[in-house]
N, C-alpha and C. Protein backbone atom coordinates (compact mmCIF):
# COMPACT_ATOMS: atom_id res chain seq x y z
N MET A 1 -30.10 23.14 -2.76
CA MET A 1 -29.23 22.27 -3.50
C MET A 1 -27.87 22.20 -2.81
N LYS A 2 -27.27 21.03 -2.82
CA LYS A 2 -25.96 20.85 -2.21
C LYS A 2 -24.89 21.55 -3.04
N GLU A 3 -23.80 21.95 -2.38
CA GLU A 3 -22.71 22.62 -3.06
C GLU A 3 -21.46 21.74 -3.08
N MET A 4 -20.92 21.53 -4.27
CA MET A 4 -19.68 20.77 -4.42
C MET A 4 -18.56 21.72 -4.81
N GLN A 5 -17.42 21.53 -4.16
CA GLN A 5 -16.21 22.28 -4.49
C GLN A 5 -15.09 21.27 -4.71
N ILE A 6 -14.28 21.52 -5.73
CA ILE A 6 -13.13 20.67 -6.02
C ILE A 6 -11.89 21.54 -5.94
N PHE A 7 -10.99 21.17 -5.04
CA PHE A 7 -9.72 21.88 -4.87
C PHE A 7 -8.63 21.02 -5.49
N GLU A 8 -8.01 21.56 -6.55
CA GLU A 8 -7.08 20.80 -7.37
C GLU A 8 -5.63 21.22 -7.14
N PRO A 9 -4.69 20.34 -7.51
CA PRO A 9 -3.29 20.73 -7.45
C PRO A 9 -3.01 21.82 -8.49
N ALA A 10 -1.82 22.38 -8.45
CA ALA A 10 -1.43 23.40 -9.42
C ALA A 10 -1.44 22.80 -10.82
N LEU A 11 -2.22 23.42 -11.70
CA LEU A 11 -2.32 22.98 -13.09
C LEU A 11 -1.85 24.11 -13.99
N CYS A 12 -1.55 23.80 -15.24
CA CYS A 12 -1.03 24.80 -16.17
C CYS A 12 -2.04 25.90 -16.46
N CYS A 13 -3.32 25.57 -16.39
CA CYS A 13 -4.39 26.55 -16.60
C CYS A 13 -5.54 26.16 -15.67
N GLU A 14 -6.63 26.89 -15.71
CA GLU A 14 -7.73 26.65 -14.76
C GLU A 14 -8.31 25.25 -14.83
N THR A 15 -8.34 24.65 -16.04
CA THR A 15 -8.93 23.32 -16.18
C THR A 15 -7.89 22.22 -16.30
N GLY A 16 -6.67 22.58 -16.66
CA GLY A 16 -5.62 21.58 -16.85
C GLY A 16 -5.71 20.88 -18.19
N ILE A 17 -6.62 21.32 -19.06
CA ILE A 17 -6.74 20.65 -20.36
C ILE A 17 -6.15 21.53 -21.47
N CYS A 18 -4.93 21.92 -21.26
CA CYS A 18 -4.22 22.69 -22.27
C CYS A 18 -2.89 21.97 -22.55
N GLY A 19 -2.24 22.37 -23.60
CA GLY A 19 -0.97 21.76 -23.95
C GLY A 19 -1.15 20.55 -24.84
N ALA A 20 -0.05 19.92 -25.15
CA ALA A 20 -0.05 18.81 -26.11
C ALA A 20 -0.56 17.50 -25.51
N SER A 21 -0.34 17.28 -24.22
CA SER A 21 -0.71 16.03 -23.58
C SER A 21 -1.78 16.29 -22.52
N VAL A 22 -3.02 15.97 -22.86
CA VAL A 22 -4.14 16.23 -21.95
C VAL A 22 -4.47 14.98 -21.15
N ASP A 23 -4.55 15.14 -19.83
CA ASP A 23 -4.93 14.05 -18.93
C ASP A 23 -6.40 13.73 -19.16
N PRO A 24 -6.74 12.48 -19.54
CA PRO A 24 -8.14 12.14 -19.80
C PRO A 24 -9.06 12.36 -18.60
N GLU A 25 -8.54 12.23 -17.39
CA GLU A 25 -9.35 12.44 -16.19
C GLU A 25 -9.72 13.92 -16.05
N LEU A 26 -8.79 14.81 -16.39
CA LEU A 26 -9.09 16.24 -16.35
C LEU A 26 -10.10 16.61 -17.44
N LEU A 27 -9.99 15.98 -18.59
CA LEU A 27 -10.96 16.20 -19.66
C LEU A 27 -12.35 15.73 -19.23
N ARG A 28 -12.41 14.56 -18.59
CA ARG A 28 -13.70 14.03 -18.12
C ARG A 28 -14.34 14.96 -17.10
N ILE A 29 -13.57 15.37 -16.09
CA ILE A 29 -14.16 16.19 -15.03
C ILE A 29 -14.57 17.55 -15.56
N THR A 30 -13.82 18.10 -16.50
CA THR A 30 -14.18 19.38 -17.11
C THR A 30 -15.48 19.24 -17.90
N THR A 31 -15.61 18.16 -18.65
CA THR A 31 -16.83 17.90 -19.42
C THR A 31 -18.03 17.73 -18.50
N VAL A 32 -17.86 16.97 -17.44
CA VAL A 32 -18.95 16.74 -16.48
C VAL A 32 -19.39 18.06 -15.85
N ILE A 33 -18.45 18.87 -15.43
CA ILE A 33 -18.78 20.15 -14.78
C ILE A 33 -19.48 21.07 -15.78
N ASP A 34 -19.03 21.07 -17.03
CA ASP A 34 -19.69 21.88 -18.07
C ASP A 34 -21.13 21.42 -18.30
N ARG A 35 -21.34 20.11 -18.35
CA ARG A 35 -22.70 19.58 -18.55
C ARG A 35 -23.60 19.91 -17.37
N LEU A 36 -23.06 19.80 -16.17
CA LEU A 36 -23.85 20.16 -14.99
C LEU A 36 -24.24 21.64 -15.06
N LYS A 37 -23.29 22.47 -15.44
CA LYS A 37 -23.56 23.91 -15.54
C LYS A 37 -24.65 24.17 -16.58
N GLN A 38 -24.61 23.48 -17.72
CA GLN A 38 -25.65 23.62 -18.74
C GLN A 38 -27.03 23.29 -18.17
N ASN A 39 -27.05 22.40 -17.19
CA ASN A 39 -28.31 21.96 -16.58
C ASN A 39 -28.60 22.66 -15.25
N GLY A 40 -27.91 23.78 -15.00
CA GLY A 40 -28.21 24.61 -13.85
C GLY A 40 -27.55 24.21 -12.54
N VAL A 41 -26.60 23.27 -12.59
CA VAL A 41 -25.91 22.82 -11.38
C VAL A 41 -24.49 23.39 -11.40
N ILE A 42 -24.11 24.06 -10.36
CA ILE A 42 -22.78 24.67 -10.30
C ILE A 42 -21.88 23.87 -9.37
N VAL A 43 -20.74 23.46 -9.91
CA VAL A 43 -19.68 22.85 -9.12
C VAL A 43 -18.51 23.82 -9.19
N ARG A 44 -18.07 24.30 -8.05
CA ARG A 44 -16.97 25.27 -8.01
C ARG A 44 -15.65 24.51 -7.99
N ARG A 45 -14.73 24.97 -8.80
CA ARG A 45 -13.45 24.29 -8.99
C ARG A 45 -12.32 25.29 -8.77
N PHE A 46 -11.35 24.92 -7.92
CA PHE A 46 -10.25 25.81 -7.59
C PHE A 46 -8.92 25.13 -7.86
N ASN A 47 -8.06 25.83 -8.59
CA ASN A 47 -6.73 25.35 -8.94
C ASN A 47 -5.73 26.04 -8.01
N LEU A 48 -4.85 25.30 -7.41
CA LEU A 48 -3.87 25.86 -6.47
C LEU A 48 -3.02 26.95 -7.12
N ASN A 49 -2.78 26.82 -8.40
CA ASN A 49 -1.96 27.79 -9.12
C ASN A 49 -2.70 29.10 -9.39
N SER A 50 -3.97 29.01 -9.79
CA SER A 50 -4.70 30.21 -10.20
C SER A 50 -5.60 30.79 -9.11
N ALA A 51 -5.89 30.04 -8.05
CA ALA A 51 -6.75 30.54 -6.98
C ALA A 51 -6.20 30.15 -5.60
N PRO A 52 -4.93 30.51 -5.31
CA PRO A 52 -4.33 30.07 -4.05
C PRO A 52 -5.03 30.58 -2.80
N MET A 53 -5.65 31.76 -2.86
CA MET A 53 -6.31 32.30 -1.67
C MET A 53 -7.53 31.47 -1.26
N GLU A 54 -8.16 30.77 -2.21
CA GLU A 54 -9.28 29.89 -1.86
C GLU A 54 -8.81 28.76 -0.94
N PHE A 55 -7.57 28.31 -1.13
CA PHE A 55 -6.99 27.25 -0.31
C PHE A 55 -6.63 27.78 1.08
N VAL A 56 -6.30 29.06 1.15
CA VAL A 56 -5.94 29.67 2.42
C VAL A 56 -7.18 30.02 3.23
N THR A 57 -8.20 30.57 2.58
CA THR A 57 -9.37 31.06 3.31
C THR A 57 -10.37 29.96 3.67
N ASN A 58 -10.31 28.82 2.97
CA ASN A 58 -11.19 27.70 3.33
C ASN A 58 -10.50 26.92 4.44
N HIS A 59 -11.02 27.00 5.64
CA HIS A 59 -10.36 26.40 6.81
C HIS A 59 -10.24 24.88 6.69
N THR A 60 -11.23 24.23 6.12
CA THR A 60 -11.18 22.77 5.96
C THR A 60 -10.06 22.37 5.02
N VAL A 61 -9.97 23.06 3.89
CA VAL A 61 -8.93 22.75 2.89
C VAL A 61 -7.56 23.14 3.42
N ASN A 62 -7.48 24.26 4.11
CA ASN A 62 -6.20 24.70 4.67
C ASN A 62 -5.68 23.67 5.67
N ALA A 63 -6.54 23.17 6.54
CA ALA A 63 -6.13 22.14 7.51
C ALA A 63 -5.72 20.86 6.78
N PHE A 64 -6.45 20.50 5.75
CA PHE A 64 -6.12 19.32 4.94
C PHE A 64 -4.72 19.45 4.35
N LEU A 65 -4.43 20.62 3.75
CA LEU A 65 -3.11 20.85 3.15
C LEU A 65 -2.00 20.82 4.20
N ASN A 66 -2.25 21.41 5.36
CA ASN A 66 -1.24 21.41 6.42
C ASN A 66 -0.96 20.00 6.92
N GLN A 67 -1.98 19.15 6.92
CA GLN A 67 -1.81 17.79 7.42
C GLN A 67 -1.25 16.85 6.35
N LYS A 68 -1.76 16.94 5.11
CA LYS A 68 -1.42 15.95 4.09
C LYS A 68 -0.58 16.48 2.94
N GLY A 69 -0.53 17.80 2.77
CA GLY A 69 0.27 18.40 1.71
C GLY A 69 -0.44 18.44 0.37
N ALA A 70 0.11 19.25 -0.54
CA ALA A 70 -0.49 19.46 -1.85
C ALA A 70 -0.50 18.20 -2.70
N GLN A 71 0.39 17.25 -2.41
CA GLN A 71 0.44 16.01 -3.19
C GLN A 71 -0.81 15.15 -2.96
N ALA A 72 -1.60 15.46 -1.93
CA ALA A 72 -2.82 14.71 -1.64
C ALA A 72 -4.04 15.26 -2.39
N LEU A 73 -3.85 16.35 -3.14
CA LEU A 73 -4.95 16.91 -3.93
C LEU A 73 -5.19 16.06 -5.17
N PRO A 74 -6.38 16.08 -5.74
CA PRO A 74 -7.50 16.95 -5.42
C PRO A 74 -8.27 16.49 -4.19
N VAL A 75 -9.02 17.43 -3.63
CA VAL A 75 -9.91 17.13 -2.52
C VAL A 75 -11.28 17.69 -2.89
N VAL A 76 -12.32 16.92 -2.59
CA VAL A 76 -13.69 17.29 -2.96
C VAL A 76 -14.50 17.52 -1.70
N LEU A 77 -15.16 18.66 -1.66
CA LEU A 77 -16.03 19.01 -0.53
C LEU A 77 -17.47 19.08 -1.01
N VAL A 78 -18.38 18.62 -0.17
CA VAL A 78 -19.81 18.83 -0.38
C VAL A 78 -20.34 19.50 0.88
N ASP A 79 -20.94 20.65 0.68
CA ASP A 79 -21.45 21.46 1.78
C ASP A 79 -20.41 21.66 2.87
N GLY A 80 -19.16 21.88 2.44
CA GLY A 80 -18.08 22.22 3.36
C GLY A 80 -17.34 21.06 4.00
N SER A 81 -17.78 19.83 3.76
CA SER A 81 -17.12 18.66 4.35
C SER A 81 -16.39 17.87 3.28
N ILE A 82 -15.22 17.38 3.61
CA ILE A 82 -14.43 16.57 2.68
C ILE A 82 -15.12 15.22 2.47
N VAL A 83 -15.34 14.89 1.20
CA VAL A 83 -15.99 13.62 0.86
C VAL A 83 -15.07 12.71 0.04
N ILE A 84 -14.08 13.29 -0.66
CA ILE A 84 -13.15 12.50 -1.47
C ILE A 84 -11.78 13.18 -1.41
N GLU A 85 -10.75 12.36 -1.23
CA GLU A 85 -9.37 12.85 -1.21
C GLU A 85 -8.53 12.13 -2.26
N GLY A 86 -7.62 12.86 -2.89
CA GLY A 86 -6.61 12.25 -3.75
C GLY A 86 -7.07 11.83 -5.14
N ARG A 87 -8.31 12.12 -5.48
CA ARG A 87 -8.83 11.77 -6.81
C ARG A 87 -10.09 12.59 -7.09
N TYR A 88 -10.48 12.57 -8.34
CA TYR A 88 -11.73 13.22 -8.74
C TYR A 88 -12.88 12.25 -8.53
N PRO A 89 -14.07 12.77 -8.26
CA PRO A 89 -15.23 11.88 -8.11
C PRO A 89 -15.63 11.28 -9.46
N THR A 90 -16.14 10.06 -9.42
CA THR A 90 -16.68 9.45 -10.63
C THR A 90 -17.98 10.18 -10.98
N ASN A 91 -18.47 9.97 -12.18
CA ASN A 91 -19.75 10.57 -12.58
C ASN A 91 -20.86 10.14 -11.63
N GLU A 92 -20.87 8.85 -11.30
CA GLU A 92 -21.89 8.31 -10.40
C GLU A 92 -21.80 8.93 -9.01
N GLU A 93 -20.58 9.12 -8.52
CA GLU A 93 -20.41 9.74 -7.20
C GLU A 93 -20.92 11.18 -7.21
N ILE A 94 -20.66 11.91 -8.28
CA ILE A 94 -21.15 13.29 -8.37
C ILE A 94 -22.67 13.31 -8.26
N LEU A 95 -23.31 12.45 -9.03
CA LEU A 95 -24.78 12.39 -9.00
C LEU A 95 -25.29 12.05 -7.60
N THR A 96 -24.69 11.05 -6.98
CA THR A 96 -25.11 10.62 -5.64
C THR A 96 -24.86 11.71 -4.60
N LEU A 97 -23.66 12.28 -4.61
CA LEU A 97 -23.31 13.30 -3.61
C LEU A 97 -24.18 14.54 -3.71
N LEU A 98 -24.59 14.88 -4.94
CA LEU A 98 -25.41 16.07 -5.13
C LEU A 98 -26.90 15.77 -5.21
N GLY A 99 -27.26 14.48 -5.14
CA GLY A 99 -28.66 14.09 -5.20
C GLY A 99 -29.31 14.42 -6.53
N LEU A 100 -28.59 14.16 -7.62
CA LEU A 100 -29.07 14.50 -8.95
C LEU A 100 -29.47 13.26 -9.75
N PRO A 101 -30.39 13.42 -10.69
CA PRO A 101 -30.71 12.32 -11.59
C PRO A 101 -29.62 12.20 -12.66
N SER A 102 -29.53 11.05 -13.29
CA SER A 102 -28.50 10.84 -14.32
C SER A 102 -28.67 11.79 -15.50
N SER A 103 -29.87 12.30 -15.70
CA SER A 103 -30.11 13.24 -16.80
C SER A 103 -29.33 14.55 -16.62
N ALA A 104 -28.87 14.83 -15.41
CA ALA A 104 -28.09 16.05 -15.17
C ALA A 104 -26.76 16.03 -15.90
N LEU A 105 -26.30 14.85 -16.31
CA LEU A 105 -25.03 14.74 -17.03
C LEU A 105 -25.21 14.68 -18.54
N LEU A 106 -26.46 14.75 -18.99
CA LEU A 106 -26.71 14.73 -20.42
C LEU A 106 -26.58 16.13 -20.99
N PRO A 107 -26.07 16.25 -22.22
CA PRO A 107 -25.99 17.58 -22.83
C PRO A 107 -27.39 18.15 -23.00
N ARG A 108 -27.50 19.42 -22.82
CA ARG A 108 -28.78 20.09 -22.98
C ARG A 108 -29.10 20.21 -24.46
N ASN A 109 -30.32 19.90 -24.84
CA ASN A 109 -30.74 19.96 -26.23
C ASN A 109 -31.21 21.38 -26.54
N ILE A 110 -30.44 22.08 -27.37
CA ILE A 110 -30.74 23.47 -27.71
C ILE A 110 -31.12 23.53 -29.18
N GLY A 111 -32.38 23.81 -29.46
CA GLY A 111 -32.82 23.98 -30.84
C GLY A 111 -32.53 22.78 -31.73
N GLY A 112 -32.63 21.57 -31.18
CA GLY A 112 -32.41 20.37 -31.97
C GLY A 112 -30.95 19.97 -32.08
N ILE A 113 -30.07 20.78 -31.52
CA ILE A 113 -28.65 20.44 -31.55
C ILE A 113 -28.25 20.06 -30.13
N THR A 114 -27.84 18.84 -29.93
CA THR A 114 -27.49 18.36 -28.61
C THR A 114 -26.14 18.93 -28.19
N GLY A 115 -26.10 19.56 -27.05
CA GLY A 115 -24.86 20.05 -26.48
C GLY A 115 -24.17 21.12 -27.29
N GLY A 116 -24.86 21.75 -28.23
CA GLY A 116 -24.24 22.81 -29.01
C GLY A 116 -23.27 22.29 -30.04
N GLY A 117 -23.27 20.99 -30.28
CA GLY A 117 -22.33 20.40 -31.23
C GLY A 117 -22.84 20.49 -32.65
N CYS A 118 -22.18 19.81 -33.52
CA CYS A 118 -22.50 19.83 -34.93
C CYS A 118 -23.44 18.70 -35.27
N CYS A 119 -24.53 19.00 -35.94
CA CYS A 119 -25.47 17.94 -36.29
C CYS A 119 -25.07 17.25 -37.59
N CYS A 120 -24.43 17.98 -38.49
CA CYS A 120 -23.91 17.44 -39.75
C CYS A 120 -24.92 16.59 -40.51
N SER A 121 -26.19 16.91 -40.39
CA SER A 121 -27.19 16.15 -41.11
C SER A 121 -28.12 17.07 -41.89
N GLY A 122 -27.68 18.30 -42.10
CA GLY A 122 -28.48 19.26 -42.85
C GLY A 122 -28.60 18.85 -44.31
N LYS A 123 -29.47 19.54 -45.04
CA LYS A 123 -29.72 19.22 -46.44
C LYS A 123 -28.44 19.27 -47.27
N ASN A 124 -27.54 20.17 -46.93
CA ASN A 124 -26.30 20.30 -47.68
C ASN A 124 -25.17 19.45 -47.11
N GLY A 125 -25.48 18.66 -46.10
CA GLY A 125 -24.45 17.83 -45.48
C GLY A 125 -23.48 18.60 -44.61
N GLY A 126 -23.73 19.89 -44.42
CA GLY A 126 -22.83 20.71 -43.62
C GLY A 126 -23.28 20.80 -42.19
N CYS A 127 -22.53 21.48 -41.41
CA CYS A 127 -22.87 21.66 -40.00
C CYS A 127 -23.97 22.68 -39.85
N CYS A 128 -24.78 22.48 -38.83
CA CYS A 128 -25.82 23.45 -38.48
C CYS A 128 -25.13 24.65 -37.84
N GLN A 129 -25.70 25.79 -38.01
CA GLN A 129 -25.14 27.00 -37.41
C GLN A 129 -25.93 27.38 -36.18
C-alpha cells in the first residue's frame, strides 16, 4: 500500500481543529484521515509546531522548506515524493493517489451504528449506547 504523509504549518494543536474558530478545511482533512484510519489506511500527518524533527529528518521536506519556506506548507508526499504543495489534497485526490475505492472514505458500520455516531432511532427515542 502507498504511504501518504502531510506536513503542515504550525497549528495550535496536532489537528488544528481547536479553539473558537475552526478552519473547515482542517476539519475536512481530519475527518477524512479518521475515516481512512477506521478502514485500515494510515495517513501520517506532521505539524511543524508539534513534530519539528520530522521536518528536519525528512530530506525531501527539509529541502522544500529551505527552498520555499514554511509559508508554502502544507506539503503532501506519497511514497516519499512531493505530490501537492500549498494546500491539502481533495478527497478525490487522496483516493487516486493512494489507489483506494471511494468506500474507503465511508464511515465504518459498527454494530448497526455508522461511524460510531448516534442512531437516535431506538424504541425510547434516545441515542444508542
